[in-house]
Protein backbone atom coordinates (compact mmCIF):
# COMPACT_ATOMS: atom_id res chain seq x y z
CA UNK A 1 10.48 -23.62 14.77
CA UNK A 2 11.45 -27.24 15.42
CA UNK A 3 11.12 -28.89 12.01
CA UNK A 4 13.18 -32.01 11.53
CA UNK A 5 16.25 -31.47 9.35
CA UNK A 6 14.81 -33.19 6.25
CA UNK A 7 12.07 -30.54 5.98
CA UNK A 8 14.53 -27.68 6.00
CA UNK A 9 14.97 -25.94 2.69
CA UNK A 10 17.24 -23.18 1.51
CA UNK A 11 14.98 -20.29 0.51
CA UNK A 12 15.88 -17.16 -1.48
CA UNK A 13 13.62 -14.13 -1.10
CA UNK A 14 14.05 -11.33 -3.63
CA UNK A 15 13.27 -7.92 -2.17
CA UNK A 16 12.94 -6.68 1.41
CA UNK A 17 9.66 -4.77 1.22
CA UNK A 18 6.69 -5.64 3.43
CA UNK A 19 5.79 -8.87 1.60
CA UNK A 20 9.41 -10.04 1.41
CA UNK A 21 10.03 -9.41 5.12
CA UNK A 22 6.77 -11.12 6.03
CA UNK A 23 7.57 -14.17 3.87
CA UNK A 24 11.09 -14.28 5.37
CA UNK A 25 9.75 -14.36 8.93
CA UNK A 26 7.17 -17.09 8.27
CA UNK A 27 9.59 -19.24 6.24
CA UNK A 28 12.27 -18.94 8.96
CA UNK A 29 9.72 -19.83 11.63
CA UNK A 30 9.12 -23.10 9.75
CA UNK A 31 12.80 -23.92 10.12
CA UNK A 32 14.01 -23.04 6.63
CA UNK A 33 17.33 -21.36 5.92
CA UNK A 34 16.27 -17.99 4.53
CA UNK A 35 18.32 -15.48 2.52
CA UNK A 36 16.87 -12.09 1.52
CA UNK A 37 18.46 -10.27 -1.43
CA UNK A 38 17.73 -6.55 -1.60
CA UNK A 39 18.80 -4.14 -4.33
CA UNK A 40 19.02 -1.14 -1.99
CA UNK A 41 21.26 -0.62 1.02
CA UNK A 42 18.32 -0.84 3.44
CA UNK A 43 15.11 -2.85 3.77
CA UNK A 44 11.68 -1.40 3.07
CA UNK A 45 11.18 -1.19 -0.68
CA UNK A 46 8.61 1.55 -1.31
CA UNK A 47 8.46 2.05 2.48
CA UNK A 48 12.10 3.08 2.78
CA UNK A 49 13.11 6.15 4.74
CA UNK A 50 15.79 8.78 4.20
CA UNK A 51 17.24 11.56 6.33
CA UNK A 52 18.35 14.97 5.10
CA UNK A 53 19.09 18.33 6.78
CA UNK A 54 17.79 17.06 10.12
CA UNK A 55 14.51 15.78 8.60
CA UNK A 56 13.37 12.13 8.50
CA UNK A 57 11.19 11.32 5.49
CA UNK A 58 9.13 8.15 4.99
CA UNK A 59 9.29 7.59 1.23
CA UNK A 60 6.00 5.75 0.77
CA UNK A 61 3.17 4.51 3.02
CA UNK A 62 1.90 6.96 5.62
CA UNK A 63 -1.58 5.65 6.53
CA UNK A 64 -1.58 3.06 9.33
CA UNK A 65 -4.97 1.40 8.91
CA UNK A 66 -6.22 -2.10 9.81
CA UNK A 67 -4.08 -2.23 12.97
CA UNK A 68 -5.27 -5.78 13.68
CA UNK A 69 -3.30 -7.06 10.64
CA UNK A 70 -0.06 -5.73 12.14
CA UNK A 71 -1.06 -7.10 15.57
CA UNK A 72 -1.79 -10.53 14.07
CA UNK A 73 1.58 -10.57 12.30
CA UNK A 74 3.60 -9.92 15.45
CA UNK A 75 1.45 -12.23 17.58
CA UNK A 76 2.24 -15.08 15.15
CA UNK A 77 5.78 -14.78 16.52
CA UNK A 78 4.85 -14.41 20.19
CA UNK A 79 5.13 -10.61 20.19
CA UNK A 80 2.92 -7.56 20.43
CA UNK A 81 3.15 -4.49 18.26
CA UNK A 82 4.06 -2.41 21.34
CA UNK A 83 7.18 -4.57 21.84
CA UNK A 84 8.60 -2.77 18.80
CA UNK A 85 7.01 0.66 18.35
CA UNK A 86 4.58 3.12 19.88
CA UNK A 87 1.32 3.87 18.07
CA UNK A 88 -0.57 7.14 18.37
CA UNK A 89 -4.22 7.42 17.44
CA UNK A 90 -4.76 10.49 15.27
CA UNK A 91 -7.52 12.96 16.12
CA UNK A 92 -8.81 14.07 13.74
CA UNK A 93 -8.04 11.03 11.62
CA UNK A 94 -7.68 13.40 8.65
CA UNK A 95 -9.15 16.54 7.12
CA UNK A 96 -10.74 16.88 3.68
CA UNK A 97 -10.73 20.24 1.91
CA UNK A 98 -13.71 20.72 -0.42
CA UNK A 99 -14.47 23.60 -2.76
CA UNK A 100 -16.37 25.69 -0.20
CA UNK A 101 -15.85 23.85 3.08
CA UNK A 102 -13.62 21.49 5.01
CA UNK A 103 -14.44 18.47 7.14
CA UNK A 104 -12.32 16.87 9.86
CA UNK A 105 -13.01 13.16 10.35
CA UNK A 106 -13.00 12.60 14.13
CA UNK A 107 -11.25 9.81 16.00
CA UNK A 108 -14.37 8.56 17.82
CA UNK A 109 -17.16 6.83 15.91
CA UNK A 110 -19.92 8.57 17.91
CA UNK A 111 -18.53 11.94 16.82
CA UNK A 112 -18.42 10.71 13.22
CA UNK A 113 -22.13 9.84 13.46
CA UNK A 114 -22.90 13.32 14.77
CA UNK A 115 -20.87 14.87 11.95
CA UNK A 116 -22.77 12.90 9.29
CA UNK A 117 -26.12 13.81 10.84
CA UNK A 118 -25.19 17.51 10.90
CA UNK A 119 -24.52 17.39 7.16
CA UNK A 120 -27.47 15.23 6.07
CA UNK A 121 -30.58 14.38 8.05
CA UNK A 122 -30.82 10.63 8.72
CA UNK A 123 -27.17 10.06 7.72
CA UNK A 124 -26.15 8.84 11.21
CA UNK A 125 -28.45 5.80 10.95
CA UNK A 126 -27.36 5.23 7.36
CA UNK A 127 -23.75 5.32 8.53
CA UNK A 128 -24.55 2.72 11.22
CA UNK A 129 -26.10 0.49 8.60
CA UNK A 130 -23.15 0.99 6.22
CA UNK A 131 -20.60 0.28 8.95
CA UNK A 132 -22.42 -2.80 10.31
CA UNK A 133 -22.26 -4.28 6.82
CA UNK A 134 -18.64 -3.10 6.42
CA UNK A 135 -17.68 -4.77 9.71
CA UNK A 136 -19.29 -8.03 8.54
CA UNK A 137 -17.32 -7.87 5.27
CA UNK A 138 -14.16 -7.04 7.20
CA UNK A 139 -14.54 -10.04 9.48
CA UNK A 140 -15.25 -12.47 6.64
CA UNK A 141 -13.01 -10.79 4.08
CA UNK A 142 -9.95 -10.13 6.24
CA UNK A 143 -10.11 -13.28 8.35
CA UNK A 144 -10.93 -15.81 5.59
CA UNK A 145 -11.29 -14.51 2.06
CA UNK A 146 -8.00 -12.60 1.90
CA UNK A 147 -5.87 -15.47 3.26
CA UNK A 148 -6.55 -17.82 0.31
CA UNK A 149 -3.69 -18.54 -2.12
CA UNK A 150 -6.26 -18.28 -4.96
CA UNK A 151 -5.17 -21.26 -7.06
CA UNK A 152 -8.80 -22.21 -7.83
CA UNK A 153 -12.30 -20.92 -7.08
CA UNK A 154 -12.98 -24.04 -4.98
CA UNK A 155 -10.94 -22.51 -2.13
CA UNK A 156 -13.84 -20.12 -1.58
CA UNK A 157 -16.46 -22.84 -1.22
CA UNK A 158 -16.50 -22.81 2.54
CA UNK A 159 -19.86 -22.92 4.28
CA UNK A 160 -19.23 -19.53 5.87
CA UNK A 161 -18.24 -17.77 2.66
CA UNK A 162 -21.13 -19.32 0.71
CA UNK A 163 -23.58 -18.47 3.47
CA UNK A 164 -22.41 -14.85 3.39
CA UNK A 165 -21.87 -14.51 -0.37
CA UNK A 166 -24.72 -12.07 -0.97
CA UNK A 167 -23.76 -9.95 2.06
CA UNK A 168 -20.21 -9.60 0.70
CA UNK A 169 -21.47 -7.62 -2.33
CA UNK A 170 -18.90 -9.17 -4.64
CA UNK A 171 -20.67 -8.24 -7.83
CA UNK A 172 -21.96 -4.72 -7.18
CA UNK A 173 -19.64 -1.73 -7.53
CA UNK A 174 -18.58 0.59 -4.74
CA UNK A 175 -19.89 3.82 -6.27
CA UNK A 176 -23.44 2.49 -6.72
CA UNK A 177 -23.29 0.99 -3.24
CA UNK A 178 -22.33 4.28 -1.54
CA UNK A 179 -25.06 6.11 -3.45
CA UNK A 180 -27.66 3.87 -1.79
CA UNK A 181 -26.74 5.36 1.58
CA UNK A 182 -25.84 9.03 1.09
CA UNK A 183 -26.79 11.92 -1.20
CA UNK A 184 -24.46 14.72 -0.01
CA UNK A 185 -21.41 14.72 -2.28
CA UNK A 186 -19.05 15.41 0.64
CA UNK A 187 -20.28 12.38 2.58
CA UNK A 188 -19.97 10.24 -0.53
CA UNK A 189 -16.42 11.49 -0.99
CA UNK A 190 -15.55 10.61 2.62
CA UNK A 191 -16.88 7.08 2.07
CA UNK A 192 -15.27 6.63 -1.36
CA UNK A 193 -11.86 8.06 -0.52
CA UNK A 194 -10.43 4.89 1.15
CA UNK A 195 -10.88 2.77 -2.00
CA UNK A 196 -8.93 5.21 -4.16
CA UNK A 197 -5.87 3.54 -2.61
CA UNK A 198 -7.04 0.28 -4.22
CA UNK A 199 -6.14 1.80 -7.52
CA UNK A 200 -9.30 2.25 -9.55
CA UNK A 201 -12.40 4.35 -9.88
CA UNK A 202 -15.01 3.52 -7.20
CA UNK A 203 -17.31 2.47 -10.08
CA UNK A 204 -14.84 -0.33 -10.95
CA UNK A 205 -14.18 -1.63 -7.44
CA UNK A 206 -16.37 -4.32 -5.81
CA UNK A 207 -18.60 -3.10 -2.96
CA UNK A 208 -16.89 -5.80 -0.86
CA UNK A 209 -14.20 -3.19 -0.24
CA UNK A 210 -16.44 -1.12 2.01
CA UNK A 211 -14.50 -3.25 4.51
CA UNK A 212 -11.82 -0.54 4.05
CA UNK A 213 -14.13 2.00 5.69
CA UNK A 214 -14.41 -0.24 8.73
CA UNK A 215 -10.64 -0.90 8.72
CA UNK A 216 -10.03 2.85 8.73
CA UNK A 217 -12.85 4.82 10.33
CA UNK A 218 -13.95 2.27 12.93
CA UNK A 219 -10.52 0.84 13.82
CA UNK A 220 -8.90 4.26 13.66
CA UNK A 221 -6.03 6.01 11.88
CA UNK A 222 -2.72 5.52 13.66
CA UNK A 223 0.84 6.72 13.41
CA UNK A 224 3.95 4.76 14.48
CA UNK A 225 6.17 7.20 16.38
CA UNK A 226 9.45 7.66 14.53
CA UNK A 227 7.69 7.15 11.19
CA UNK A 228 6.22 4.30 9.18
CA UNK A 229 9.71 2.90 8.72
CA UNK A 230 9.57 1.75 12.35
CA UNK A 231 7.33 -1.08 11.11
CA UNK A 232 9.95 -2.14 8.55
CA UNK A 233 12.72 -1.98 11.16
CA UNK A 234 10.64 -4.12 13.51
CA UNK A 235 9.98 -6.77 10.86
CA UNK A 236 13.66 -6.84 9.91
CA UNK A 237 14.68 -7.18 13.57
CA UNK A 238 12.20 -10.03 14.03
CA UNK A 239 13.49 -11.72 10.87
CA UNK A 240 17.08 -11.46 12.10
CA UNK A 241 16.06 -12.95 15.47
CA UNK A 242 14.55 -15.86 13.51
CA UNK A 243 17.89 -16.40 11.75
CA UNK A 244 17.16 -14.74 8.39
CA UNK A 245 20.26 -13.66 6.44
CA UNK A 246 20.08 -10.26 4.71
CA UNK A 247 22.16 -9.34 1.65
CA UNK A 248 21.88 -5.64 0.80
CA UNK A 249 23.12 -3.91 -2.35
CA UNK A 250 22.41 -7.25 -4.01
CA UNK A 251 20.28 -6.96 -7.12
CA UNK A 252 19.36 -10.26 -8.78
CA UNK A 253 20.32 -10.26 -12.50
CA UNK A 254 18.94 -13.64 -13.52
CA UNK A 255 17.00 -16.67 -12.28
CA UNK A 256 18.69 -19.79 -13.69
CA UNK A 257 16.32 -22.66 -14.47
CA UNK A 258 16.77 -26.38 -15.05
CA UNK A 259 13.80 -28.42 -16.35
CA UNK A 260 10.92 -27.68 -13.91
CA UNK A 261 12.94 -25.83 -11.30
CA UNK A 262 14.47 -22.46 -10.55
CA UNK A 263 17.93 -23.79 -9.80
CA UNK A 264 19.80 -20.66 -8.75
CA UNK A 265 19.95 -16.89 -8.83
CA UNK A 266 22.76 -14.85 -10.37
CA UNK A 267 24.05 -11.62 -8.83
CA UNK A 268 26.85 -10.09 -10.91
CA UNK A 269 28.93 -13.15 -11.81
CA UNK A 270 28.06 -15.17 -8.69
CA UNK A 271 25.52 -18.02 -8.70
CA UNK A 272 23.62 -19.03 -5.55
CA UNK A 273 21.67 -22.30 -5.40
CA UNK A 274 18.30 -22.57 -3.62
CA UNK A 275 15.51 -25.09 -3.07
CA UNK A 276 12.80 -22.42 -3.22
CA UNK A 277 12.67 -18.88 -4.60
CA UNK A 278 10.11 -16.26 -3.52
CA UNK A 279 10.05 -13.00 -5.45
CA UNK A 280 8.60 -9.95 -3.75
CA UNK A 281 9.99 -7.58 -6.38
CA UNK A 282 7.97 -6.39 -9.38
CA UNK A 283 6.21 -9.44 -10.89
CA UNK A 284 6.74 -8.42 -14.53
CA UNK A 285 10.43 -7.69 -13.83
CA UNK A 286 10.83 -11.07 -12.07
CA UNK A 287 9.55 -12.80 -15.21
CA UNK A 288 12.08 -10.86 -17.31
CA UNK A 289 14.79 -12.59 -15.23
CA UNK A 290 13.51 -15.96 -16.56
CA UNK A 291 13.77 -17.62 -19.97
CA UNK A 292 10.68 -16.67 -22.00
CA UNK A 293 9.25 -20.21 -21.95
CA UNK A 294 9.28 -20.24 -18.13
CA UNK A 295 7.17 -17.12 -17.62
CA UNK A 296 3.56 -17.13 -16.44
CA UNK A 297 2.50 -14.18 -18.56
CA UNK A 298 3.31 -12.48 -21.85
CA UNK A 299 3.97 -8.78 -22.30
CA UNK A 300 0.52 -8.59 -23.91
CA UNK A 301 -1.01 -9.81 -20.65
CA UNK A 302 0.62 -7.01 -18.65
CA UNK A 303 -0.37 -4.41 -21.23
CA UNK A 304 -4.04 -5.33 -20.72
CA UNK A 305 -4.01 -5.17 -16.90
CA UNK A 306 -5.50 -2.25 -14.97
CA UNK A 307 -2.74 -0.86 -12.80
CA UNK A 308 -3.15 1.31 -9.75
CA UNK A 309 -1.81 4.84 -10.29
CA UNK A 310 1.69 6.15 -10.12
CA UNK A 311 2.23 9.37 -8.22
CA UNK A 312 4.25 12.53 -8.00
CA UNK A 313 5.70 12.95 -4.50
CA UNK A 314 7.53 15.86 -2.92
CA UNK A 315 9.47 15.59 0.34
CA UNK A 316 9.68 19.09 1.81
CA UNK A 317 11.38 20.61 4.84
CA UNK A 318 9.86 23.94 5.96
CA UNK A 319 11.37 26.47 8.35
CA UNK A 320 8.91 27.64 11.02
CA UNK A 321 5.62 26.04 11.95
CA UNK A 322 2.58 25.74 9.68
CA UNK A 323 -0.64 26.64 11.45
CA UNK A 324 -4.04 25.18 10.52
CA UNK A 325 -2.56 21.98 9.08
CA UNK A 326 -3.44 18.49 10.31
CA UNK A 327 -1.33 15.32 10.15
CA UNK A 328 -3.29 14.09 7.07
CA UNK A 329 -5.06 16.48 4.67
CA UNK A 330 -6.84 15.62 1.41
CA UNK A 331 -7.30 18.40 -1.12
CA UNK A 332 -10.50 17.47 -2.93
CA UNK A 333 -11.71 20.87 -4.17
CA UNK A 334 -12.15 19.50 -7.71
CA UNK A 335 -14.14 16.62 -9.21
CA UNK A 336 -12.94 13.16 -8.25
CA UNK A 337 -14.36 11.66 -11.47
CA UNK A 338 -12.45 14.16 -13.58
CA UNK A 339 -9.11 13.32 -11.94
CA UNK A 340 -9.83 9.58 -12.17
CA UNK A 341 -10.67 9.92 -15.90
CA UNK A 342 -7.30 11.63 -16.43
CA UNK A 343 -5.56 8.68 -14.77
CA UNK A 344 -7.42 5.77 -16.38
CA UNK A 345 -9.08 7.03 -19.56
CA UNK A 346 -7.14 10.03 -20.84
CA UNK A 347 -3.84 8.86 -19.32
CA UNK A 348 -2.59 12.43 -19.01
CA UNK A 349 -1.53 14.88 -16.32
CA UNK A 350 -4.71 16.07 -14.52
CA UNK A 351 -5.97 19.55 -15.27
CA UNK A 352 -7.57 19.94 -11.83
CA UNK A 353 -5.64 17.57 -9.59
CA UNK A 354 -6.65 16.19 -6.22
CA UNK A 355 -3.74 15.58 -3.88
CA UNK A 356 -2.74 14.62 -0.36
CA UNK A 357 -0.48 16.29 2.22
CA UNK A 358 1.05 14.52 5.20
CA UNK A 359 2.66 16.57 7.98
CA UNK A 360 4.02 13.98 10.46
CA UNK A 361 5.83 16.68 12.47
CA UNK A 362 2.37 17.65 13.81
CA UNK A 363 2.42 14.36 15.76
CA UNK A 364 6.09 13.45 15.95
CA UNK A 365 8.76 16.04 16.87
CA UNK A 366 11.59 13.65 15.94
CA UNK A 367 10.99 13.87 12.15
CA UNK A 368 11.96 17.55 11.83
CA UNK A 369 14.39 19.94 13.53
CA UNK A 370 12.88 22.17 16.20
CA UNK A 371 10.59 24.89 14.83
CA UNK A 372 10.42 23.19 11.41
CA UNK A 373 7.76 21.11 9.64
CA UNK A 374 8.10 17.92 7.61
CA UNK A 375 5.80 17.75 4.56
CA UNK A 376 4.99 14.94 2.15
CA UNK A 377 2.89 15.92 -0.91
CA UNK A 378 1.39 13.20 -3.09
CA UNK A 379 -0.51 13.56 -6.36
CA UNK A 380 -1.90 10.37 -8.03
CA UNK A 381 -1.20 10.23 -11.79
CA UNK A 382 -1.38 7.82 -14.73
CA UNK A 383 1.37 5.25 -15.25
CA UNK A 384 3.95 5.63 -18.02
CA UNK A 385 3.14 9.32 -18.30
CA UNK A 386 5.73 11.88 -19.44
CA UNK A 387 7.81 12.77 -16.41
CA UNK A 388 10.44 15.50 -16.26
CA UNK A 389 11.62 18.22 -13.87
CA UNK A 390 9.64 20.93 -15.65
CA UNK A 391 6.31 19.09 -15.31
CA UNK A 392 7.06 18.21 -11.68
CA UNK A 393 7.62 21.90 -10.90
CA UNK A 394 4.35 22.97 -12.56
CA UNK A 395 2.42 20.58 -10.30
CA UNK A 396 4.48 21.45 -7.25
CA UNK A 397 3.43 25.08 -7.65
CA UNK A 398 -0.22 24.09 -8.12
CA UNK A 399 -0.15 22.08 -4.90
CA UNK A 400 1.76 24.71 -2.93
CA UNK A 401 -0.67 27.46 -3.98
CA UNK A 402 -3.65 25.44 -2.76
CA UNK A 403 -1.86 24.51 0.46
CA UNK A 404 -1.09 28.18 1.11
CA UNK A 405 -4.73 29.12 0.49
CA UNK A 406 -5.84 26.47 2.99
CA UNK A 407 -3.48 27.59 5.77
CA UNK A 408 -3.96 31.30 5.06
CA UNK A 409 -0.29 32.02 4.37
CA UNK A 410 1.55 32.82 1.15
CA UNK A 411 5.22 32.56 2.02
CA UNK A 412 5.83 28.78 2.05
CA UNK A 413 8.11 28.86 -1.00
CA UNK A 414 10.70 31.09 0.69
CA UNK A 415 10.59 28.96 3.86
CA UNK A 416 11.59 25.74 2.08
CA UNK A 417 14.93 24.47 3.39
CA UNK A 418 14.82 21.02 1.78
CA UNK A 419 13.04 19.67 -1.32
CA UNK A 420 13.17 16.39 -3.23
CA UNK A 421 10.75 15.03 -5.83
CA UNK A 422 9.93 11.44 -6.77
CA UNK A 423 7.84 10.31 -9.74
CA UNK A 424 7.24 7.77 -12.54
CA UNK A 425 10.87 7.50 -13.68
CA UNK A 426 12.06 7.02 -10.07
CA UNK A 427 9.60 4.16 -9.50
CA UNK A 428 10.94 2.48 -12.64
CA UNK A 429 14.57 3.09 -11.70
CA UNK A 430 14.34 2.10 -8.02
CA UNK A 431 11.80 -0.75 -8.16
CA UNK A 432 11.57 -1.81 -11.83
CA UNK A 433 7.93 -0.85 -11.32
CA UNK A 434 5.87 -1.74 -14.38
CA UNK A 435 4.88 1.54 -16.06
CA UNK A 436 6.24 3.32 -12.99
CA UNK A 437 3.19 2.25 -10.94
CA UNK A 438 3.21 3.10 -7.24
CA UNK A 439 0.58 0.78 -5.76
CA UNK A 440 0.47 -2.44 -7.82
CA UNK A 441 -2.56 -3.86 -9.62
CA UNK A 442 -5.96 -2.28 -9.15
CA UNK A 443 -8.54 -4.32 -7.22
CA UNK A 444 -11.14 -4.27 -10.00
CA UNK A 445 -13.88 -6.88 -10.45
CA UNK A 446 -11.83 -8.51 -13.23
CA UNK A 447 -8.68 -8.55 -11.07
CA UNK A 448 -9.97 -10.08 -7.85
CA UNK A 449 -8.96 -13.39 -6.19
CA UNK A 450 -7.91 -16.00 -8.78
CA UNK A 451 -8.16 -13.40 -11.55
CA UNK A 452 -4.97 -11.80 -10.20
CA UNK A 453 -1.50 -12.92 -11.36
CA UNK A 454 -0.84 -16.33 -9.80
CA UNK A 455 1.13 -16.67 -6.58
CA UNK A 456 3.20 -19.52 -8.02
CA UNK A 457 4.98 -20.07 -11.31
CA UNK A 458 3.04 -22.57 -13.43
CA UNK A 459 6.16 -23.98 -15.13
CA UNK A 460 8.65 -23.97 -12.26
CA UNK A 461 7.67 -25.92 -9.14
CA UNK A 462 9.76 -23.88 -6.71
CA UNK A 463 9.24 -20.26 -7.82
CA UNK A 464 6.61 -18.16 -6.04
CA UNK A 465 5.50 -14.52 -6.17
CA UNK A 466 4.36 -12.23 -3.38
CA UNK A 467 3.46 -8.55 -2.96
CA UNK A 468 1.13 -5.98 -4.43
CA UNK A 469 0.96 -7.49 -7.94
CA UNK A 470 -0.45 -10.82 -6.79
CA UNK A 471 -2.96 -11.91 -4.12
CA UNK A 472 -4.42 -10.40 -2.06
CA UNK A 473 -3.59 -6.99 -3.60
CA UNK A 474 -2.21 -3.48 -3.03
CA UNK A 475 -1.59 -1.83 0.33
CA UNK A 476 0.57 -2.55 3.36
CA UNK A 477 -1.75 -4.95 5.26
CA UNK A 478 -2.43 -7.09 2.13
CA UNK A 479 1.31 -7.20 1.39
CA UNK A 480 2.03 -8.51 4.91
CA UNK A 481 -0.68 -11.15 4.43
CA UNK A 482 0.70 -11.97 0.96
CA UNK A 483 4.05 -12.88 2.53
CA UNK A 484 2.33 -15.26 4.95
CA UNK A 485 0.32 -16.91 2.17
CA UNK A 486 3.39 -17.54 0.03
CA UNK A 487 5.51 -18.87 2.93
CA UNK A 488 2.75 -21.41 3.60
CA UNK A 489 3.07 -22.59 -0.02
CA UNK A 490 6.56 -23.93 0.63
């Protein structure tokens, strides 16, 4: 906060999503003059919010996991999470619908143990063993491993990380790892579900990421009252208190370079000079703003990456209440492997899709008018897939039919008072998302740590990258950490 004047730099941050806001706060705390340029009229990026017909819709993230990461962020600035928003612990954390049964994952760990034991004899002890290991990985992974800028492998040669290398299960895959503990397919699905958000098949994700199970099931599933956007608003407010300048409706058209430096950014016909530039917008798009000889990676490089999925989203307002629906519901009546193959191998619309429904109005009366429900439907799909209104409607009807079957009602269609869809073409249009991806790069074995796109430009000394396409990876908590890592690079 009290750097001497000579250390102060003028810093441009492109994009006001989680990583951009985080980077802005940490850079401002160091005494730099920080300017954030955001294409849209509000902050948030994929976590923006919109209001329509009395409903409040979060556009993206809806799972508040790893609460300690949010706590650590605010405490770095002398605050507590509760200074900004109220968190509610969800019970059940979520419900999974299987072909012939449904399982609610309880809030309390002891109840989760009992649930596992009731499904498979001996599973409670296996769960203890799994979670003890997951906690260990969480403590090493989230407190040390994930905070490295990943310039070289030598960063990981700390005594603690070396001592725990075998326990971190860096080289075994998640699917094989889960199979060592459980045989019931429903239990395996419950354990594998969290890593689907990491953007690859469980067979391609390192077993290290069982830390996600600890970050979710042990630390709980939470909901910020008012919606997930409350977190964005809080980070923006904090940034403004730290002196950060926000420029909305300001899309960067070009990054001007001079020898080894990014000299300025161009917005329309205006040029703005900076000492440092941090891009939290799409990495591939950022590089398109540079001369070809100043880019880290070729188009060929991006074509060979494994991206996390895109998704088809519907924001729905329903008149009347919906019984038998929880805050979070996963519709997993079909084969996970089949859906994953359609995303990564066949690259086509899934024949038997799995999908997710969020109904925040079950917890928060402010997000829908009285006697109405707020629904968010999400179906993971391949990137760069054909996307038009007709296809969206086909899948909307598939999802609605299965939702109606689950709740035991068949009149949802006529009760819809608001409906908006969002898919591949929208991700491209709104975020320049490569291939229309929704979650960034997948956390596969070949895309972990220094094998991810670099956090700094190798040809320009003052250009850095942050967010879900660089370290540490996809998801809200990693994006917040990514902003901290990059601010420390300045």
